Amino acid sequence: MRMDMNVVVLFGKLAAPPELRTFESGSSLVRCLVTVRTSAPRRRVDVVPVILWDPDAEDPLLAAAAGTKVFAVCSVQRRFWTADEARLSRLEVVARHIEVEATSELGTGVPAKVTAEST
């Protein structure tokens, strides 16, 4: 049986506070940079841009600070658009589910959850 799968799982820390963008269409997205450190097969640090479409206004992710631990379940998607009469594309890591570690500023110390389905 053949099964296609497009799953990206990230566990790391925010490199910077998330950025909220709202478009003329009314859609919005949060862009966050997730820092992931690995030691095998060699030491490296990757900073992965992750987007979350149409978050709720009260999602804990919007109030998260740099250094906050996050767990994200995502997929890789290619987005196409036209600019200056040229067809462009980009691969994006799009979150389906993000859990944000709660801090004293965000809540009670129990992990707060942010969930969204990608469009």
PDB file of N, CA and C in Angstrom:
ATOM      1  N   MET A   1       0.847  -1.183   0.000  1.00  0.00           N
ATOM      2  CA  MET A   1       0.000   0.000   0.000  1.00  0.00           C
ATOM      3  C   MET A   1       0.894   1.248   0.000  1.00  0.00           C
ATOM      4  N   ARG A   2       0.608   2.157  -0.867  1.00  0.00           N
ATOM      5  CA  ARG A   2       1.366   3.406  -0.955  1.00  0.00           C
ATOM      6  C   ARG A   2       0.625   4.505  -0.205  1.00  0.00           C
ATOM      7  N   MET A   3       1.364   5.264   0.601  1.00  0.00           N
ATOM      8  CA  MET A   3       0.743   6.348   1.352  1.00  0.00           C
ATOM      9  C   MET A   3       1.615   7.592   1.223  1.00  0.00           C
ATOM     10  N   ASP A   4       1.045   8.676   0.732  1.00  0.00           N
ATOM     11  CA  ASP A   4       1.759   9.947   0.662  1.00  0.00           C
ATOM     12  C   ASP A   4       1.654  10.645   2.006  1.00  0.00           C
ATOM     13  N   MET A   5       2.718  11.340   2.398  1.00  0.00           N
ATOM     14  CA  MET A   5       2.701  12.024   3.682  1.00  0.00           C
ATOM     15  C   MET A   5       3.502  13.316   3.579  1.00  0.00           C
ATOM     16  N   ASN A   6       2.969  14.372   4.117  1.00  0.00           N
ATOM     17  CA  ASN A   6       3.622  15.672   4.139  1.00  0.00           C
ATOM     18  C   ASN A   6       3.493  16.207   5.559  1.00  0.00           C
ATOM     19  N   VAL A   7       4.425  15.836   6.415  1.00  0.00           N
ATOM     20  CA  VAL A   7       4.367  16.218   7.826  1.00  0.00           C
ATOM     21  C   VAL A   7       5.718  16.759   8.259  1.00  0.00           C
ATOM     22  N   VAL A   8       5.702  17.915   8.893  1.00  0.00           N
ATOM     23  CA  VAL A   8       6.891  18.512   9.485  1.00  0.00           C
ATOM     24  C   VAL A   8       6.572  18.716  10.964  1.00  0.00           C
ATOM     25  N   VAL A   9       7.437  18.210  11.839  1.00  0.00           N
ATOM     26  CA  VAL A   9       7.252  18.388  13.274  1.00  0.00           C
ATOM     27  C   VAL A   9       8.461  19.155  13.797  1.00  0.00           C
ATOM     28  N   LEU A  10       8.200  20.281  14.448  1.00  0.00           N
ATOM     29  CA  LEU A  10       9.268  21.111  14.995  1.00  0.00           C
ATOM     30  C   LEU A  10       9.067  21.290  16.489  1.00  0.00           C
ATOM     31  N   PHE A  11      10.150  21.176  17.241  1.00  0.00           N
ATOM     32  CA  PHE A  11      10.138  21.514  18.658  1.00  0.00           C
ATOM     33  C   PHE A  11      11.355  22.381  18.889  1.00  0.00           C
ATOM     34  N   GLY A  12      11.109  23.624  19.281  1.00  0.00           N
ATOM     35  CA  GLY A  12      12.223  24.546  19.470  1.00  0.00           C
ATOM     36  C   GLY A  12      11.770  25.792  20.192  1.00  0.00           C
ATOM     37  N   LYS A  13      12.511  26.871  19.978  1.00  0.00           N
ATOM     38  CA  LYS A  13      12.206  28.143  20.633  1.00  0.00           C
ATOM     39  C   LYS A  13      12.005  29.223  19.582  1.00  0.00           C
ATOM     40  N   LEU A  14      11.151  30.187  19.910  1.00  0.00           N
ATOM     41  CA  LEU A  14      10.953  31.323  19.015  1.00  0.00           C
ATOM     42  C   LEU A  14      12.222  32.164  18.983  1.00  0.00           C
ATOM     43  N   ALA A  15      12.687  32.494  17.788  1.00  0.00           N
ATOM     44  CA  ALA A  15      13.877  33.334  17.638  1.00  0.00           C
ATOM     45  C   ALA A  15      13.541  34.814  17.823  1.00  0.00           C
ATOM     46  N   ALA A  16      12.288  35.166  17.627  1.00  0.00           N
ATOM     47  CA  ALA A  16      11.807  36.547  17.730  1.00  0.00           C
ATOM     48  C   ALA A  16      10.316  36.489  18.024  1.00  0.00           C
ATOM     49  N   PRO A  17       9.730  37.585  18.488  1.00  0.00           N
ATOM     50  CA  PRO A  17       8.276  37.591  18.672  1.00  0.00           C
ATOM     51  C   PRO A  17       7.571  37.360  17.336  1.00  0.00           C
ATOM     52  N   PRO A  18       6.449  36.643  17.326  1.00  0.00           N
ATOM     53  CA  PRO A  18       5.699  36.405  16.081  1.00  0.00           C
ATOM     54  C   PRO A  18       5.204  37.718  15.470  1.00  0.00           C
ATOM     55  N   GLU A  19       5.119  37.731  14.137  1.00  0.00           N
ATOM     56  CA  GLU A  19       4.635  38.905  13.410  1.00  0.00           C
ATOM     57  C   GLU A  19       3.255  38.599  12.838  1.00  0.00           C
ATOM     58  N   LEU A  20       2.295  39.463  13.110  1.00  0.00           N
ATOM     59  CA  LEU A  20       0.934  39.317  12.588  1.00  0.00           C
ATOM     60  C   LEU A  20       0.774  40.213  11.373  1.00  0.00           C
ATOM     61  N   ARG A  21       0.280  39.639  10.262  1.00  0.00           N
ATOM     62  CA  ARG A  21      -0.005  40.402   9.056  1.00  0.00           C
ATOM     63  C   ARG A  21      -1.459  40.195   8.681  1.00  0.00           C
ATOM     64  N   THR A  22      -2.140  41.289   8.303  1.00  0.00           N
ATOM     65  CA  THR A  22      -3.520  41.212   7.847  1.00  0.00           C
ATOM     66  C   THR A  22      -3.569  41.719   6.411  1.00  0.00           C
ATOM     67  N   PHE A  23      -4.285  40.991   5.563  1.00  0.00           N
ATOM     68  CA  PHE A  23      -4.352  41.313   4.150  1.00  0.00           C
ATOM     69  C   PHE A  23      -5.665  42.013   3.818  1.00  0.00           C
ATOM     70  N   GLU A  24      -5.726  42.649   2.657  1.00  0.00           N
ATOM     71  CA  GLU A  24      -6.934  43.349   2.211  1.00  0.00           C
ATOM     72  C   GLU A  24      -8.130  42.410   2.147  1.00  0.00           C
ATOM     73  N   SER A  25      -7.883  41.136   1.893  1.00  0.00           N
ATOM     74  CA  SER A  25      -8.963  40.154   1.790  1.00  0.00           C
ATOM     75  C   SER A  25      -9.614  39.859   3.144  1.00  0.00           C
ATOM     76  N   GLY A  26      -8.957  40.283   4.224  1.00  0.00           N
ATOM     77  CA  GLY A  26      -9.451  39.989   5.560  1.00  0.00           C
ATOM     78  C   GLY A  26      -8.732  38.812   6.207  1.00  0.00           C
ATOM     79  N   SER A  27      -8.012  38.037   5.423  1.00  0.00           N
ATOM     80  CA  SER A  27      -7.221  36.939   5.980  1.00  0.00           C
ATOM     81  C   SER A  27      -6.025  37.502   6.731  1.00  0.00           C
ATOM     82  N   SER A  28      -5.542  36.737   7.683  1.00  0.00           N
ATOM     83  CA  SER A  28      -4.349  37.149   8.412  1.00  0.00           C
ATOM     84  C   SER A  28      -3.442  35.948   8.595  1.00  0.00           C
ATOM     85  N   LEU A  29      -2.181  36.230   8.862  1.00  0.00           N
ATOM     86  CA  LEU A  29      -1.250  35.159   9.162  1.00  0.00           C
ATOM     87  C   LEU A  29      -0.276  35.622  10.215  1.00  0.00           C
ATOM     88  N   VAL A  30       0.210  34.650  10.960  1.00  0.00           N
ATOM     89  CA  VAL A  30       1.279  34.889  11.923  1.00  0.00           C
ATOM     90  C   VAL A  30       2.510  34.213  11.359  1.00  0.00           C
ATOM     91  N   ARG A  31       3.596  34.927  11.324  1.00  0.00           N
ATOM     92  CA  ARG A  31       4.879  34.363  10.894  1.00  0.00           C
ATOM     93  C   ARG A  31       5.786  34.310  12.104  1.00  0.00           C
ATOM     94  N   CYS A  32       6.311  33.134  12.376  1.00  0.00           N
ATOM     95  CA  CYS A  32       7.252  33.020  13.488  1.00  0.00           C
ATOM     96  C   CYS A  32       8.487  32.264  13.027  1.00  0.00           C
ATOM     97  N   LEU A  33       9.590  32.543  13.669  1.00  0.00           N
ATOM     98  CA  LEU A  33      10.857  31.887  13.381  1.00  0.00           C
ATOM     99  C   LEU A  33      11.146  30.925  14.517  1.00  0.00           C
ATOM    100  N   VAL A  34      11.221  29.631  14.203  1.00  0.00           N
ATOM    101  CA  VAL A  34      11.452  28.604  15.218  1.00  0.00           C
ATOM    102  C   VAL A  34      12.903  28.142  15.109  1.00  0.00           C
ATOM    103  N   THR A  35      13.641  28.298  16.195  1.00  0.00           N
ATOM    104  CA  THR A  35      15.036  27.864  16.263  1.00  0.00           C
ATOM    105  C   THR A  35      15.070  26.426  16.739  1.00  0.00           C
ATOM    106  N   VAL A  36      15.722  25.563  15.949  1.00  0.00           N
ATOM    107  CA  VAL A  36      15.825  24.143  16.277  1.00  0.00           C
ATOM    108  C   VAL A  36      17.306  23.785  16.316  1.00  0.00           C
ATOM    109  N   ARG A  37      17.744  23.248  17.455  1.00  0.00           N
ATOM    110  CA  ARG A  37      19.145  22.837  17.614  1.00  0.00           C
ATOM    111  C   ARG A  37      19.236  21.323  17.515  1.00  0.00           C
ATOM    112  N   THR A  38      20.234  20.844  16.778  1.00  0.00           N
ATOM    113  CA  THR A  38      20.476  19.404  16.675  1.00  0.00           C
ATOM    114  C   THR A  38      21.952  19.136  16.939  1.00  0.00           C
ATOM    115  N   SER A  39      22.254  17.921  17.362  1.00  0.00           N
ATOM    116  CA  SER A  39      23.644  17.569  17.626  1.00  0.00           C
ATOM    117  C   SER A  39      24.109  16.374  16.795  1.00  0.00           C
ATOM    118  N   ALA A  40      23.198  15.668  16.151  1.00  0.00           N
ATOM    119  CA  ALA A  40      23.602  14.508  15.355  1.00  0.00           C
ATOM    120  C   ALA A  40      23.045  14.655  13.951  1.00  0.00           C
ATOM    121  N   PRO A  41      23.739  14.378  12.906  1.00  0.00           N
ATOM    122  CA  PRO A  41      25.091  13.824  12.914  1.00  0.00           C
ATOM    123  C   PRO A  41      26.161  14.873  13.212  1.00  0.00           C
ATOM    124  N   ARG A  42      25.813  16.162  13.153  1.00  0.00           N
ATOM    125  CA  ARG A  42      26.743  17.214  13.574  1.00  0.00           C
ATOM    126  C   ARG A  42      25.940  18.344  14.200  1.00  0.00           C
ATOM    127  N   ARG A  43      26.610  19.137  15.000  1.00  0.00           N
ATOM    128  CA  ARG A  43      25.922  20.257  15.666  1.00  0.00           C
ATOM    129  C   ARG A  43      25.528  21.318  14.654  1.00  0.00           C
ATOM    130  N   ARG A  44      24.283  21.767  14.771  1.00  0.00           N
ATOM    131  CA  ARG A  44      23.817  22.853  13.914  1.00  0.00           C
ATOM    132  C   ARG A  44      22.603  23.511  14.542  1.00  0.00           C
ATOM    133  N   VAL A  45      22.339  24.724  14.104  1.00  0.00           N
ATOM    134  CA  VAL A  45      21.161  25.468  14.525  1.00  0.00           C
ATOM    135  C   VAL A  45      20.435  25.906  13.255  1.00  0.00           C
ATOM    136  N   ASP A  46      19.156  25.536  13.148  1.00  0.00           N
ATOM    137  CA  ASP A  46      18.331  25.961  12.025  1.00  0.00           C
ATOM    138  C   ASP A  46      17.259  26.910  12.536  1.00  0.00           C
ATOM    139  N   VAL A  47      17.016  27.970  11.793  1.00  0.00           N
ATOM    140  CA  VAL A  47      15.915  28.878  12.095  1.00  0.00           C
ATOM    141  C   VAL A  47      14.906  28.697  10.964  1.00  0.00           C
ATOM    142  N   VAL A  48      13.741  28.129  11.318  1.00  0.00           N
ATOM    143  CA  VAL A  48      12.738  27.750  10.321  1.00  0.00           C
ATOM    144  C   VAL A  48      11.569  28.731  10.378  1.00  0.00           C
ATOM    145  N   PRO A  49      11.282  29.430   9.280  1.00  0.00           N
ATOM    146  CA  PRO A  49      10.088  30.283   9.266  1.00  0.00           C
ATOM    147  C   PRO A  49       8.831  29.420   9.161  1.00  0.00           C
ATOM    148  N   VAL A  50       7.867  29.692  10.028  1.00  0.00           N
ATOM    149  CA  VAL A  50       6.609  28.950  10.077  1.00  0.00           C
ATOM    150  C   VAL A  50       5.475  29.960  10.012  1.00  0.00           C
ATOM    151  N   ILE A  51       4.441  29.652   9.205  1.00  0.00           N
ATOM    152  CA  ILE A  51       3.279  30.534   9.163  1.00  0.00           C
ATOM    153  C   ILE A  51       2.048  29.796   9.672  1.00  0.00           C
ATOM    154  N   LEU A  52       1.164  30.553  10.273  1.00  0.00           N
ATOM    155  CA  LEU A  52      -0.115  30.056  10.779  1.00  0.00           C
ATOM    156  C   LEU A  52      -1.189  30.982  10.231  1.00  0.00           C
ATOM    157  N   TRP A  53      -2.100  30.438   9.422  1.00  0.00           N
ATOM    158  CA  TRP A  53      -3.141  31.248   8.799  1.00  0.00           C
ATOM    159  C   TRP A  53      -4.316  31.483   9.743  1.00  0.00           C
ATOM    160  N   ASP A  54      -4.854  32.684   9.715  1.00  0.00           N
ATOM    161  CA  ASP A  54      -6.082  33.089  10.402  1.00  0.00           C
ATOM    162  C   ASP A  54      -6.152  32.657  11.862  1.00  0.00           C
ATOM    163  N   PRO A  55      -5.191  33.104  12.684  1.00  0.00           N
ATOM    164  CA  PRO A  55      -5.249  32.772  14.109  1.00  0.00           C
ATOM    165  C   PRO A  55      -6.360  33.555  14.803  1.00  0.00           C
ATOM    166  N   ASP A  56      -6.849  33.017  15.911  1.00  0.00           N
ATOM    167  CA  ASP A  56      -7.801  33.763  16.737  1.00  0.00           C
ATOM    168  C   ASP A  56      -7.082  34.942  17.371  1.00  0.00           C
ATOM    169  N   ALA A  57      -7.796  36.025  17.618  1.00  0.00           N
ATOM    170  CA  ALA A  57      -7.194  37.234  18.181  1.00  0.00           C
ATOM    171  C   ALA A  57      -6.588  36.990  19.566  1.00  0.00           C
ATOM    172  N   GLU A  58      -7.072  35.965  20.266  1.00  0.00           N
ATOM    173  CA  GLU A  58      -6.584  35.710  21.622  1.00  0.00           C
ATOM    174  C   GLU A  58      -5.633  34.522  21.704  1.00  0.00           C
ATOM    175  N   ASP A  59      -5.114  34.060  20.584  1.00  0.00           N
ATOM    176  CA  ASP A  59      -4.174  32.945  20.603  1.00  0.00           C
ATOM    177  C   ASP A  59      -2.924  33.314  21.400  1.00  0.00           C
ATOM    178  N   PRO A  60      -2.469  32.435  22.282  1.00  0.00           N
ATOM    179  CA  PRO A  60      -1.267  32.706  23.071  1.00  0.00           C
ATOM    180  C   PRO A  60      -0.028  32.933  22.209  1.00  0.00           C
ATOM    181  N   LEU A  61       0.005  32.388  21.012  1.00  0.00           N
ATOM    182  CA  LEU A  61       1.158  32.587  20.136  1.00  0.00           C
ATOM    183  C   LEU A  61       1.399  34.065  19.859  1.00  0.00           C
ATOM    184  N   LEU A  62       0.334  34.851  19.739  1.00  0.00           N
ATOM    185  CA  LEU A  62       0.468  36.277  19.423  1.00  0.00           C
ATOM    186  C   LEU A  62       1.167  37.048  20.532  1.00  0.00           C
ATOM    187  N   ALA A  63       1.103  36.558  21.767  1.00  0.00           N
ATOM    188  CA  ALA A  63       1.725  37.243  22.895  1.00  0.00           C
ATOM    189  C   ALA A  63       3.063  36.619  23.287  1.00  0.00           C
ATOM    190  N   ALA A  64       3.505  35.605  22.572  1.00  0.00           N
ATOM    191  CA  ALA A  64       4.736  34.896  22.931  1.00  0.00           C
ATOM    192  C   ALA A  64       5.966  35.746  22.634  1.00  0.00           C
ATOM    193  N   ALA A  65       6.967  35.593  23.474  1.00  0.00           N
ATOM    194  CA  ALA A  65       8.213  36.344  23.336  1.00  0.00           C
ATOM    195  C   ALA A  65       9.302  35.458  22.741  1.00  0.00           C
ATOM    196  N   ALA A  66      10.364  36.083  22.295  1.00  0.00           N
ATOM    197  CA  ALA A  66      11.530  35.337  21.833  1.00  0.00           C
ATOM    198  C   ALA A  66      11.993  34.424  22.965  1.00  0.00           C
ATOM    199  N   GLY A  67      12.377  33.206  22.616  1.00  0.00           N
ATOM    200  CA  GLY A  67      12.833  32.246  23.611  1.00  0.00           C
ATOM    201  C   GLY A  67      11.747  31.323  24.125  1.00  0.00           C
ATOM    202  N   THR A  68      10.481  31.601  23.794  1.00  0.00           N
ATOM    203  CA  THR A  68       9.372  30.751  24.216  1.00  0.00           C
ATOM    204  C   THR A  68       9.445  29.418  23.474  1.00  0.00           C
ATOM    205  N   LYS A  69       9.272  28.306  24.200  1.00  0.00           N
ATOM    206  CA  LYS A  69       9.281  26.990  23.574  1.00  0.00           C
ATOM    207  C   LYS A  69       7.970  26.754  22.831  1.00  0.00           C
ATOM    208  N   VAL A  70       8.085  26.179  21.631  1.00  0.00           N
ATOM    209  CA  VAL A  70       6.910  25.861  20.825  1.00  0.00           C
ATOM    210  C   VAL A  70       7.050  24.454  20.246  1.00  0.00           C
ATOM    211  N   PHE A  71       5.912  23.830  20.033  1.00  0.00           N
ATOM    212  CA  PHE A  71       5.810  22.533  19.367  1.00  0.00           C
ATOM    213  C   PHE A  71       4.856  22.745  18.204  1.00  0.00           C
ATOM    214  N   ALA A  72       5.307  22.472  16.989  1.00  0.00           N
ATOM    215  CA  ALA A  72       4.484  22.751  15.811  1.00  0.00           C
ATOM    216  C   ALA A  72       4.377  21.517  14.918  1.00  0.00           C
ATOM    217  N   VAL A  73       3.154  21.222  14.493  1.00  0.00           N
ATOM    218  CA  VAL A  73       2.896  20.183  13.493  1.00  0.00           C
ATOM    219  C   VAL A  73       2.500  20.926  12.220  1.00  0.00           C
ATOM    220  N   CYS A  74       3.240  20.688  11.160  1.00  0.00           N
ATOM    221  CA  CYS A  74       3.111  21.503   9.953  1.00  0.00           C
ATOM    222  C   CYS A  74       3.144  20.631   8.707  1.00  0.00           C
ATOM    223  N   SER A  75       3.018  21.294   7.569  1.00  0.00           N
ATOM    224  CA  SER A  75       3.245  20.659   6.283  1.00  0.00           C
ATOM    225  C   SER A  75       4.016  21.654   5.418  1.00  0.00           C
ATOM    226  N   VAL A  76       4.652  21.150   4.389  1.00  0.00           N
ATOM    227  CA  VAL A  76       5.355  22.001   3.431  1.00  0.00           C
ATOM    228  C   VAL A  76       4.414  22.237   2.263  1.00  0.00           C
ATOM    229  N   GLN A  77       4.258  23.506   1.895  1.00  0.00           N
ATOM    230  CA  GLN A  77       3.379  23.853   0.781  1.00  0.00           C
ATOM    231  C   GLN A  77       4.103  24.823  -0.145  1.00  0.00           C
ATOM    232  N   ARG A  78       3.832  24.711  -1.434  1.00  0.00           N
ATOM    233  CA  ARG A  78       4.385  25.661  -2.400  1.00  0.00           C
ATOM    234  C   ARG A  78       3.302  26.683  -2.712  1.00  0.00           C
ATOM    235  N   ARG A  79       3.658  27.949  -2.576  1.00  0.00           N
ATOM    236  CA  ARG A  79       2.732  29.047  -2.858  1.00  0.00           C
ATOM    237  C   ARG A  79       3.187  29.748  -4.133  1.00  0.00           C
ATOM    238  N   PHE A  80       2.243  30.073  -5.001  1.00  0.00           N
ATOM    239  CA  PHE A  80       2.528  30.747  -6.271  1.00  0.00           C
ATOM    240  C   PHE A  80       1.877  32.123  -6.270  1.00  0.00           C
ATOM    241  N   TRP A  81       2.534  33.091  -6.903  1.00  0.00           N
ATOM    242  CA  TRP A  81       1.955  34.410  -7.079  1.00  0.00           C
ATOM    243  C   TRP A  81       2.634  35.081  -8.269  1.00  0.00           C
ATOM    244  N   THR A  82       2.027  36.180  -8.714  1.00  0.00           N
ATOM    245  CA  THR A  82       2.568  36.943  -9.838  1.00  0.00           C
ATOM    246  C   THR A  82       2.998  38.307  -9.345  1.00  0.00           C
ATOM    247  N   ALA A  83       4.204  38.706  -9.729  1.00  0.00           N
ATOM    248  CA  ALA A  83       4.723  40.038  -9.379  1.00  0.00           C
ATOM    249  C   ALA A  83       5.529  40.547 -10.564  1.00  0.00           C
ATOM    250  N   ASP A  84       5.251  41.779 -10.966  1.00  0.00           N
ATOM    251  CA  ASP A  84       5.961  42.382 -12.100  1.00  0.00           C
ATOM    252  C   ASP A  84       5.961  41.467 -13.319  1.00  0.00           C
ATOM    253  N   GLU A  85       4.806  40.903 -13.619  1.00  0.00           N
ATOM    254  CA  GLU A  85       4.594  40.034 -14.776  1.00  0.00           C
ATOM    255  C   GLU A  85       5.429  38.751 -14.741  1.00  0.00           C
ATOM    256  N   ALA A  86       5.920  38.383 -13.587  1.00  0.00           N
ATOM    257  CA  ALA A  86       6.676  37.131 -13.447  1.00  0.00           C
ATOM    258  C   ALA A  86       5.930  36.204 -12.490  1.00  0.00           C
ATOM    259  N   ARG A  87       5.947  34.931 -12.793  1.00  0.00           N
ATOM    260  CA  ARG A  87       5.320  33.923 -11.921  1.00  0.00           C
ATOM    261  C   ARG A  87       6.372  33.457 -10.920  1.00  0.00           C
ATOM    262  N   LEU A  88       6.094  33.641  -9.639  1.00  0.00           N
ATOM    263  CA  LEU A  88       7.032  33.300  -8.581  1.00  0.00           C
ATOM    264  C   LEU A  88       6.452  32.214  -7.690  1.00  0.00           C
ATOM    265  N   SER A  89       7.312  31.520  -6.961  1.00  0.00           N
ATOM    266  CA  SER A  89       6.835  30.523  -6.010  1.00  0.00           C
ATOM    267  C   SER A  89       7.800  30.446  -4.844  1.00  0.00           C
ATOM    268  N   ARG A  90       7.303  29.883  -3.757  1.00  0.00           N
ATOM    269  CA  ARG A  90       8.092  29.734  -2.533  1.00  0.00           C
ATOM    270  C   ARG A  90       7.582  28.516  -1.782  1.00  0.00           C
ATOM    271  N   LEU A  91       8.501  27.763  -1.196  1.00  0.00           N
ATOM    272  CA  LEU A  91       8.110  26.699  -0.279  1.00  0.00           C
ATOM    273  C   LEU A  91       7.895  27.304   1.091  1.00  0.00           C
ATOM    274  N   GLU A  92       6.809  26.927   1.743  1.00  0.00           N
ATOM    275  CA  GLU A  92       6.505  27.446   3.076  1.00  0.00           C
ATOM    276  C   GLU A  92       6.194  26.296   4.021  1.00  0.00           C
ATOM    277  N   VAL A  93       6.575  26.473   5.279  1.00  0.00           N
ATOM    278  CA  VAL A  93       6.196  25.545   6.338  1.00  0.00           C
ATOM    279  C   VAL A  93       4.947  26.147   6.976  1.00  0.00           C
ATOM    280  N   VAL A  94       3.803  25.458   6.786  1.00  0.00           N
ATOM    281  CA  VAL A  94       2.506  25.974   7.226  1.00  0.00           C
ATOM    282  C   VAL A  94       2.032  25.146   8.420  1.00  0.00           C
ATOM    283  N   ALA A  95       1.801  25.812   9.539  1.00  0.00           N
ATOM    284  CA  ALA A  95       1.399  25.122  10.767  1.00  0.00           C
ATOM    285  C   ALA A  95      -0.055  24.679  10.697  1.00  0.00           C
ATOM    286  N   ARG A  96      -0.303  23.468  11.178  1.00  0.00           N
ATOM    287  CA  ARG A  96      -1.663  22.971  11.393  1.00  0.00           C
ATOM    288  C   ARG A  96      -2.008  23.042  12.865  1.00  0.00           C
ATOM    289  N   HIS A  97      -0.964  22.924  13.703  1.00  0.00           N
ATOM    290  CA  HIS A  97      -1.155  22.915  15.151  1.00  0.00           C
ATOM    291  C   HIS A  97       0.115  23.459  15.797  1.00  0.00           C
ATOM    292  N   ILE A  98      -0.037  24.393  16.714  1.00  0.00           N
ATOM    293  CA  ILE A  98       1.102  24.915  17.477  1.00  0.00           C
ATOM    294  C   ILE A  98       0.730  24.925  18.944  1.00  0.00           C
ATOM    295  N   GLU A  99       1.619  24.389  19.766  1.00  0.00           N
ATOM    296  CA  GLU A  99       1.485  24.501  21.215  1.00  0.00           C
ATOM    297  C   GLU A  99       2.557  25.463  21.697  1.00  0.00           C
ATOM    298  N   VAL A 100       2.151  26.379  22.563  1.00  0.00           N
ATOM    299  CA  VAL A 100       3.045  27.393  23.093  1.00  0.00           C
ATOM    300  C   VAL A 100       3.229  27.127  24.576  1.00  0.00           C
ATOM    301  N   GLU A 101       4.486  27.100  25.022  1.00  0.00           N
ATOM    302  CA  GLU A 101       4.735  26.935  26.454  1.00  0.00           C
ATOM    303  C   GLU A 101       4.263  28.192  27.172  1.00  0.00           C
ATOM    304  N   ALA A 102       3.392  28.024  28.138  1.00  0.00           N
ATOM    305  CA  ALA A 102       2.874  29.167  28.889  1.00  0.00           C
ATOM    306  C   ALA A 102       3.926  29.642  29.877  1.00  0.00           C
ATOM    307  N   THR A 103       3.993  30.952  30.074  1.00  0.00           N
ATOM    308  CA  THR A 103       4.879  31.552  31.072  1.00  0.00           C
ATOM    309  C   THR A 103       4.022  32.332  32.042  1.00  0.00           C
ATOM    310  N   SER A 104       4.646  32.923  33.035  1.00  0.00           N
ATOM    311  CA  SER A 104       3.867  33.677  34.015  1.00  0.00           C
ATOM    312  C   SER A 104       3.114  34.823  33.350  1.00  0.00           C
ATOM    313  N   GLU A 105       3.654  35.380  32.251  1.00  0.00           N
ATOM    314  CA  GLU A 105       2.932  36.450  31.560  1.00  0.00           C
ATOM    315  C   GLU A 105       1.748  35.913  30.776  1.00  0.00           C
ATOM    316  N   LEU A 106       1.850  34.660  30.300  1.00  0.00           N
ATOM    317  CA  LEU A 106       0.802  34.119  29.441  1.00  0.00           C
ATOM    318  C   LEU A 106      -0.268  33.347  30.196  1.00  0.00           C
ATOM    319  N   GLY A 107       0.059  32.837  31.363  1.00  0.00           N
ATOM    320  CA  GLY A 107      -0.950  32.025  32.029  1.00  0.00           C
ATOM    321  C   GLY A 107      -0.454  31.337  33.273  1.00  0.00           C
ATOM    322  N   THR A 108      -0.878  30.106  33.461  1.00  0.00           N
ATOM    323  CA  THR A 108      -0.691  29.399  34.718  1.00  0.00           C
ATOM    324  C   THR A 108       0.500  28.451  34.724  1.00  0.00           C
ATOM    325  N   GLY A 109       1.265  28.366  33.656  1.00  0.00           N
ATOM    326  CA  GLY A 109       2.356  27.402  33.577  1.00  0.00           C
ATOM    327  C   GLY A 109       1.940  26.124  32.879  1.00  0.00           C
ATOM    328  N   VAL A 110       0.651  25.971  32.595  1.00  0.00           N
ATOM    329  CA  VAL A 110       0.166  24.812  31.838  1.00  0.00           C
ATOM    330  C   VAL A 110       0.285  25.177  30.367  1.00  0.00           C
ATOM    331  N   PRO A 111       0.790  24.250  29.507  1.00  0.00           N
ATOM    332  CA  PRO A 111       0.936  24.613  28.095  1.00  0.00           C
ATOM    333  C   PRO A 111      -0.371  25.129  27.509  1.00  0.00           C
ATOM    334  N   ALA A 112      -0.257  26.238  26.829  1.00  0.00           N
ATOM    335  CA  ALA A 112      -1.403  26.815  26.119  1.00  0.00           C
ATOM    336  C   ALA A 112      -1.390  26.258  24.714  1.00  0.00           C
ATOM    337  N   LYS A 113      -2.539  26.084  24.105  1.00  0.00           N
ATOM    338  CA  LYS A 113      -2.595  25.491  22.770  1.00  0.00           C
ATOM    339  C   LYS A 113      -3.192  26.457  21.767  1.00  0.00           C
ATOM    340  N   VAL A 114      -2.594  26.469  20.610  1.00  0.00           N
ATOM    341  CA  VAL A 114      -3.097  27.227  19.472  1.00  0.00           C
ATOM    342  C   VAL A 114      -3.279  26.204  18.363  1.00  0.00           C
ATOM    343  N   THR A 115      -4.443  26.115  17.772  1.00  0.00           N
ATOM    344  CA  THR A 115      -4.685  25.136  16.715  1.00  0.00           C
ATOM    345  C   THR A 115      -5.277  25.835  15.508  1.00  0.00           C
ATOM    346  N   ALA A 116      -4.774  25.479  14.349  1.00  0.00           N
ATOM    347  CA  ALA A 116      -5.345  26.011  13.118  1.00  0.00           C
ATOM    348  C   ALA A 116      -5.164  24.987  12.020  1.00  0.00           C
ATOM    349  N   GLU A 117      -6.086  24.936  11.112  1.00  0.00           N
ATOM    350  CA  GLU A 117      -5.955  24.099   9.930  1.00  0.00           C
ATOM    351  C   GLU A 117      -5.448  24.987   8.812  1.00  0.00           C
ATOM    352  N   SER A 118      -4.490  24.480   8.073  1.00  0.00           N
ATOM    353  CA  SER A 118      -3.958  25.260   6.951  1.00  0.00           C
ATOM    354  C   SER A 118      -4.990  25.299   5.849  1.00  0.00           C
ATOM    355  N   THR A 119      -4.944  26.386   5.078  1.00  0.00           N
ATOM    356  CA  THR A 119      -5.888  26.539   3.978  1.00  0.00           C
ATOM    357  C   THR A 119      -5.246  26.191   2.666  1.00  0.00           C
TER     358      THR A 119
END
